[in-house]
């Protein structure tokens, strides 16, 4: 069920947005490249911490947009 998946964090609508805006695509690619660079330079534990921060940042952005 969609609501249950959203509740348990298995599905995030914000991750499903695919913009056709060229500037948005450039930004997404830059973020992806930087995440790969971080992954190559950090330990697995440090990189996992970065991913956790990213998830919580996305949650905050969703809450901020709804205000």
PDB file of N, CA and C in Angstrom:
ATOM      1  N   UNK A   1       0.836  -1.178   0.000  1.00  0.00           N
ATOM      2  CA  UNK A   1       0.000   0.000   0.000  1.00  0.00           C
ATOM      3  C   UNK A   1       0.884   1.247   0.000  1.00  0.00           C
ATOM      4  N   UNK A   2       0.493   2.219  -0.744  1.00  0.00           N
ATOM      5  CA  UNK A   2       1.308   3.420  -0.896  1.00  0.00           C
ATOM      6  C   UNK A   2       1.482   4.164   0.425  1.00  0.00           C
ATOM      7  N   UNK A   3       0.392   4.357   1.165  1.00  0.00           N
ATOM      8  CA  UNK A   3       0.502   5.100   2.423  1.00  0.00           C
ATOM      9  C   UNK A   3       1.421   4.400   3.413  1.00  0.00           C
ATOM     10  N   UNK A   4       1.327   3.094   3.469  1.00  0.00           N
ATOM     11  CA  UNK A   4       2.189   2.332   4.380  1.00  0.00           C
ATOM     12  C   UNK A   4       3.654   2.445   3.949  1.00  0.00           C
ATOM     13  N   UNK A   5       3.912   2.349   2.659  1.00  0.00           N
ATOM     14  CA  UNK A   5       5.279   2.497   2.151  1.00  0.00           C
ATOM     15  C   UNK A   5       5.832   3.883   2.459  1.00  0.00           C
ATOM     16  N   UNK A   6       4.997   4.911   2.315  1.00  0.00           N
ATOM     17  CA  UNK A   6       5.442   6.265   2.637  1.00  0.00           C
ATOM     18  C   UNK A   6       5.725   6.387   4.133  1.00  0.00           C
ATOM     19  N   UNK A   7       4.856   5.812   4.953  1.00  0.00           N
ATOM     20  CA  UNK A   7       5.022   5.883   6.407  1.00  0.00           C
ATOM     21  C   UNK A   7       6.340   5.255   6.840  1.00  0.00           C
ATOM     22  N   UNK A   8       6.667   4.101   6.264  1.00  0.00           N
ATOM     23  CA  UNK A   8       7.885   3.394   6.650  1.00  0.00           C
ATOM     24  C   UNK A   8       9.111   3.839   5.847  1.00  0.00           C
ATOM     25  N   UNK A   9       8.962   4.870   5.031  1.00  0.00           N
ATOM     26  CA  UNK A   9      10.097   5.429   4.309  1.00  0.00           C
ATOM     27  C   UNK A   9      10.565   4.608   3.120  1.00  0.00           C
ATOM     28  N   UNK A  10       9.713   3.719   2.627  1.00  0.00           N
ATOM     29  CA  UNK A  10      10.086   2.895   1.477  1.00  0.00           C
ATOM     30  C   UNK A  10       9.823   3.611   0.152  1.00  0.00           C
ATOM     31  N   UNK A  11       8.995   4.638   0.210  1.00  0.00           N
ATOM     32  CA  UNK A  11       8.645   5.380  -1.004  1.00  0.00           C
ATOM     33  C   UNK A  11       8.576   6.850  -0.672  1.00  0.00           C
ATOM     34  N   UNK A  12       9.310   7.662  -1.420  1.00  0.00           N
ATOM     35  CA  UNK A  12       9.332   9.110  -1.205  1.00  0.00           C
ATOM     36  C   UNK A  12       8.961   9.797  -2.515  1.00  0.00           C
ATOM     37  N   UNK A  13       7.801  10.435  -2.537  1.00  0.00           N
ATOM     38  CA  UNK A  13       7.389  11.101  -3.784  1.00  0.00           C
ATOM     39  C   UNK A  13       8.408  12.111  -4.295  1.00  0.00           C
ATOM     40  N   UNK A  14       9.125  12.770  -3.388  1.00  0.00           N
ATOM     41  CA  UNK A  14      10.104  13.774  -3.826  1.00  0.00           C
ATOM     42  C   UNK A  14      11.226  13.154  -4.640  1.00  0.00           C
ATOM     43  N   UNK A  15      11.472  11.871  -4.465  1.00  0.00           N
ATOM     44  CA  UNK A  15      12.524  11.199  -5.222  1.00  0.00           C
ATOM     45  C   UNK A  15      12.050  10.810  -6.617  1.00  0.00           C
ATOM     46  N   UNK A  16      10.759  10.903  -6.869  1.00  0.00           N
ATOM     47  CA  UNK A  16      10.192  10.482  -8.142  1.00  0.00           C
ATOM     48  C   UNK A  16      10.114  11.604  -9.172  1.00  0.00           C
ATOM     49  N   UNK A  17      10.454  12.819  -8.760  1.00  0.00           N
ATOM     50  CA  UNK A  17      10.341  13.968  -9.650  1.00  0.00           C
ATOM     51  C   UNK A  17      11.500  13.965 -10.645  1.00  0.00           C
ATOM     52  N   UNK A  18      11.159  13.978 -11.932  1.00  0.00           N
ATOM     53  CA  UNK A  18      12.166  14.056 -12.982  1.00  0.00           C
ATOM     54  C   UNK A  18      11.912  15.317 -13.788  1.00  0.00           C
ATOM     55  N   UNK A  19      12.736  16.305 -13.564  1.00  0.00           N
ATOM     56  CA  UNK A  19      12.581  17.577 -14.252  1.00  0.00           C
ATOM     57  C   UNK A  19      13.254  17.524 -15.614  1.00  0.00           C
ATOM     58  N   UNK A  20      12.623  18.140 -16.580  1.00  0.00           N
ATOM     59  CA  UNK A  20      13.232  18.231 -17.912  1.00  0.00           C
ATOM     60  C   UNK A  20      14.019  19.532 -18.073  1.00  0.00           C
ATOM     61  N   UNK A  21      14.035  20.348 -17.013  1.00  0.00           N
ATOM     62  CA  UNK A  21      14.771  21.608 -17.038  1.00  0.00           C
ATOM     63  C   UNK A  21      16.273  21.314 -17.108  1.00  0.00           C
ATOM     64  N   UNK A  22      16.974  21.833 -18.116  1.00  0.00           N
ATOM     65  CA  UNK A  22      18.411  21.557 -18.263  1.00  0.00           C
ATOM     66  C   UNK A  22      19.232  21.977 -17.039  1.00  0.00           C
ATOM     67  N   UNK A  23      18.873  23.093 -16.424  1.00  0.00           N
ATOM     68  CA  UNK A  23      19.613  23.561 -15.251  1.00  0.00           C
ATOM     69  C   UNK A  23      19.444  22.582 -14.087  1.00  0.00           C
ATOM     70  N   UNK A  24      18.250  22.078 -13.920  1.00  0.00           N
ATOM     71  CA  UNK A  24      17.972  21.095 -12.867  1.00  0.00           C
ATOM     72  C   UNK A  24      18.769  19.816 -13.107  1.00  0.00           C
ATOM     73  N   UNK A  25      18.842  19.386 -14.341  1.00  0.00           N
ATOM     74  CA  UNK A  25      19.605  18.183 -14.677  1.00  0.00           C
ATOM     75  C   UNK A  25      21.093  18.374 -14.405  1.00  0.00           C
ATOM     76  N   UNK A  26      21.617  19.566 -14.679  1.00  0.00           N
ATOM     77  CA  UNK A  26      23.026  19.865 -14.396  1.00  0.00           C
ATOM     78  C   UNK A  26      23.296  19.781 -12.892  1.00  0.00           C
ATOM     79  N   UNK A  27      22.385  20.335 -12.112  1.00  0.00           N
ATOM     80  CA  UNK A  27      22.543  20.320 -10.660  1.00  0.00           C
ATOM     81  C   UNK A  27      22.504  18.885 -10.141  1.00  0.00           C
ATOM     82  N   UNK A  28      21.551  18.098 -10.633  1.00  0.00           N
ATOM     83  CA  UNK A  28      21.453  16.693 -10.209  1.00  0.00           C
ATOM     84  C   UNK A  28      22.733  15.926 -10.551  1.00  0.00           C
ATOM     85  N   UNK A  29      23.282  16.168 -11.739  1.00  0.00           N
ATOM     86  CA  UNK A  29      24.508  15.491 -12.150  1.00  0.00           C
ATOM     87  C   UNK A  29      25.676  15.914 -11.276  1.00  0.00           C
ATOM     88  N   UNK A  30      25.755  17.189 -10.949  1.00  0.00           N
ATOM     89  CA  UNK A  30      26.828  17.699 -10.088  1.00  0.00           C
ATOM     90  C   UNK A  30      26.741  17.050  -8.702  1.00  0.00           C
ATOM     91  N   UNK A  31      25.537  16.961  -8.157  1.00  0.00           N
ATOM     92  CA  UNK A  31      25.345  16.313  -6.853  1.00  0.00           C
ATOM     93  C   UNK A  31      25.759  14.849  -6.924  1.00  0.00           C
ATOM     94  N   UNK A  32      25.362  14.171  -7.972  1.00  0.00           N
ATOM     95  CA  UNK A  32      25.721  12.765  -8.146  1.00  0.00           C
ATOM     96  C   UNK A  32      27.239  12.587  -8.228  1.00  0.00           C
ATOM     97  N   UNK A  33      27.897  13.455  -8.991  1.00  0.00           N
ATOM     98  CA  UNK A  33      29.359  13.386  -9.120  1.00  0.00           C
ATOM     99  C   UNK A  33      30.047  13.623  -7.774  1.00  0.00           C
ATOM    100  N   UNK A  34      29.541  14.608  -7.023  1.00  0.00           N
ATOM    101  CA  UNK A  34      30.135  14.910  -5.718  1.00  0.00           C
ATOM    102  C   UNK A  34      29.912  13.772  -4.719  1.00  0.00           C
ATOM    103  N   UNK A  35      28.753  13.134  -4.774  1.00  0.00           N
ATOM    104  CA  UNK A  35      28.496  11.996  -3.881  1.00  0.00           C
ATOM    105  C   UNK A  35      29.445  10.836  -4.203  1.00  0.00           C
ATOM    106  N   UNK A  36      29.703  10.608  -5.482  1.00  0.00           N
ATOM    107  CA  UNK A  36      30.648   9.559  -5.872  1.00  0.00           C
ATOM    108  C   UNK A  36      32.054   9.884  -5.371  1.00  0.00           C
ATOM    109  N   UNK A  37      32.436  11.145  -5.472  1.00  0.00           N
ATOM    110  CA  UNK A  37      33.743  11.584  -4.983  1.00  0.00           C
ATOM    111  C   UNK A  37      33.842  11.374  -3.471  1.00  0.00           C
ATOM    112  N   UNK A  38      32.809  11.775  -2.745  1.00  0.00           N
ATOM    113  CA  UNK A  38      32.800  11.561  -1.297  1.00  0.00           C
ATOM    114  C   UNK A  38      32.908  10.079  -0.950  1.00  0.00           C
ATOM    115  N   UNK A  39      32.166   9.268  -1.679  1.00  0.00           N
ATOM    116  CA  UNK A  39      32.177   7.822  -1.412  1.00  0.00           C
ATOM    117  C   UNK A  39      33.577   7.238  -1.597  1.00  0.00           C
ATOM    118  N   UNK A  40      34.306   7.767  -2.567  1.00  0.00           N
ATOM    119  CA  UNK A  40      35.658   7.254  -2.821  1.00  0.00           C
ATOM    120  C   UNK A  40      36.669   7.739  -1.776  1.00  0.00           C
ATOM    121  N   UNK A  41      36.372   8.838  -1.114  1.00  0.00           N
ATOM    122  CA  UNK A  41      37.328   9.421  -0.162  1.00  0.00           C
ATOM    123  C   UNK A  41      37.022   9.127   1.301  1.00  0.00           C
ATOM    124  N   UNK A  42      35.771   8.790   1.611  1.00  0.00           N
ATOM    125  CA  UNK A  42      35.378   8.556   2.998  1.00  0.00           C
ATOM    126  C   UNK A  42      35.292   7.061   3.305  1.00  0.00           C
ATOM    127  N   UNK A  43      35.367   6.757   4.586  1.00  0.00           N
ATOM    128  CA  UNK A  43      35.129   5.371   4.993  1.00  0.00           C
ATOM    129  C   UNK A  43      33.647   5.068   4.812  1.00  0.00           C
ATOM    130  N   UNK A  44      33.298   3.797   4.842  1.00  0.00           N
ATOM    131  CA  UNK A  44      31.903   3.393   4.667  1.00  0.00           C
ATOM    132  C   UNK A  44      31.019   4.008   5.748  1.00  0.00           C
ATOM    133  N   UNK A  45      31.494   4.049   6.983  1.00  0.00           N
ATOM    134  CA  UNK A  45      30.716   4.611   8.094  1.00  0.00           C
ATOM    135  C   UNK A  45      30.503   6.113   7.890  1.00  0.00           C
ATOM    136  N   UNK A  46      31.558   6.818   7.488  1.00  0.00           N
ATOM    137  CA  UNK A  46      31.441   8.256   7.259  1.00  0.00           C
ATOM    138  C   UNK A  46      30.473   8.559   6.116  1.00  0.00           C
ATOM    139  N   UNK A  47      30.564   7.771   5.051  1.00  0.00           N
ATOM    140  CA  UNK A  47      29.671   7.990   3.911  1.00  0.00           C
ATOM    141  C   UNK A  47      28.228   7.690   4.289  1.00  0.00           C
ATOM    142  N   UNK A  48      28.000   6.639   5.066  1.00  0.00           N
ATOM    143  CA  UNK A  48      26.646   6.326   5.527  1.00  0.00           C
ATOM    144  C   UNK A  48      26.075   7.482   6.336  1.00  0.00           C
ATOM    145  N   UNK A  49      26.927   8.132   7.122  1.00  0.00           N
ATOM    146  CA  UNK A  49      26.485   9.291   7.907  1.00  0.00           C
ATOM    147  C   UNK A  49      26.027  10.420   6.989  1.00  0.00           C
ATOM    148  N   UNK A  50      26.750  10.626   5.904  1.00  0.00           N
ATOM    149  CA  UNK A  50      26.374  11.653   4.928  1.00  0.00           C
ATOM    150  C   UNK A  50      25.014  11.323   4.319  1.00  0.00           C
ATOM    151  N   UNK A  51      24.790  10.066   3.983  1.00  0.00           N
ATOM    152  CA  UNK A  51      23.516   9.666   3.404  1.00  0.00           C
ATOM    153  C   UNK A  51      22.371   9.866   4.387  1.00  0.00           C
ATOM    154  N   UNK A  52      22.599   9.612   5.665  1.00  0.00           N
ATOM    155  CA  UNK A  52      21.570   9.830   6.688  1.00  0.00           C
ATOM    156  C   UNK A  52      21.234  11.317   6.757  1.00  0.00           C
ATOM    157  N   UNK A  53      22.251  12.151   6.743  1.00  0.00           N
ATOM    158  CA  UNK A  53      22.026  13.600   6.769  1.00  0.00           C
ATOM    159  C   UNK A  53      21.212  14.022   5.551  1.00  0.00           C
ATOM    160  N   UNK A  54      21.531  13.457   4.408  1.00  0.00           N
ATOM    161  CA  UNK A  54      20.813  13.795   3.179  1.00  0.00           C
ATOM    162  C   UNK A  54      19.336  13.423   3.292  1.00  0.00           C
ATOM    163  N   UNK A  55      19.050  12.267   3.849  1.00  0.00           N
ATOM    164  CA  UNK A  55      17.659  11.832   4.008  1.00  0.00           C
ATOM    165  C   UNK A  55      16.908  12.795   4.919  1.00  0.00           C
ATOM    166  N   UNK A  56      17.520  13.155   6.051  1.00  0.00           N
ATOM    167  CA  UNK A  56      16.852  14.076   6.967  1.00  0.00           C
ATOM    168  C   UNK A  56      16.700  15.458   6.344  1.00  0.00           C
ATOM    169  N   UNK A  57      17.625  15.869   5.514  1.00  0.00           N
ATOM    170  CA  UNK A  57      17.514  17.159   4.828  1.00  0.00           C
ATOM    171  C   UNK A  57      16.332  17.156   3.871  1.00  0.00           C
ATOM    172  N   UNK A  58      16.140  16.043   3.164  1.00  0.00           N
ATOM    173  CA  UNK A  58      15.000  15.927   2.252  1.00  0.00           C
ATOM    174  C   UNK A  58      13.700  16.008   3.023  1.00  0.00           C
ATOM    175  N   UNK A  59      13.623  15.352   4.173  1.00  0.00           N
ATOM    176  CA  UNK A  59      12.414  15.404   4.988  1.00  0.00           C
ATOM    177  C   UNK A  59      12.127  16.834   5.420  1.00  0.00           C
ATOM    178  N   UNK A  60      13.158  17.581   5.795  1.00  0.00           N
ATOM    179  CA  UNK A  60      12.974  18.966   6.223  1.00  0.00           C
ATOM    180  C   UNK A  60      12.491  19.821   5.057  1.00  0.00           C
ATOM    181  N   UNK A  61      13.036  19.593   3.867  1.00  0.00           N
ATOM    182  CA  UNK A  61      12.626  20.357   2.695  1.00  0.00           C
ATOM    183  C   UNK A  61      11.144  20.117   2.403  1.00  0.00           C
ATOM    184  N   UNK A  62      10.704  18.880   2.554  1.00  0.00           N
ATOM    185  CA  UNK A  62       9.300  18.555   2.296  1.00  0.00           C
ATOM    186  C   UNK A  62       8.413  19.287   3.290  1.00  0.00           C
ATOM    187  N   UNK A  63       8.801  19.293   4.557  1.00  0.00           N
ATOM    188  CA  UNK A  63       8.034  19.992   5.588  1.00  0.00           C
ATOM    189  C   UNK A  63       8.032  21.485   5.315  1.00  0.00           C
ATOM    190  N   UNK A  64       9.189  22.059   4.966  1.00  0.00           N
ATOM    191  CA  UNK A  64       9.284  23.488   4.682  1.00  0.00           C
ATOM    192  C   UNK A  64       8.406  23.886   3.492  1.00  0.00           C
ATOM    193  N   UNK A  65       8.343  23.066   2.478  1.00  0.00           N
ATOM    194  CA  UNK A  65       7.531  23.364   1.296  1.00  0.00           C
ATOM    195  C   UNK A  65       6.042  23.363   1.631  1.00  0.00           C
ATOM    196  N   UNK A  66       5.656  22.559   2.621  1.00  0.00           N
ATOM    197  CA  UNK A  66       4.236  22.454   2.965  1.00  0.00           C
ATOM    198  C   UNK A  66       3.775  23.594   3.866  1.00  0.00           C
ATOM    199  N   UNK A  67       4.647  24.430   4.328  1.00  0.00           N
ATOM    200  CA  UNK A  67       4.263  25.558   5.222  1.00  0.00           C
ATOM    201  C   UNK A  67       3.716  26.704   4.445  1.00  0.00           C
TER     202      UNK A  67
END
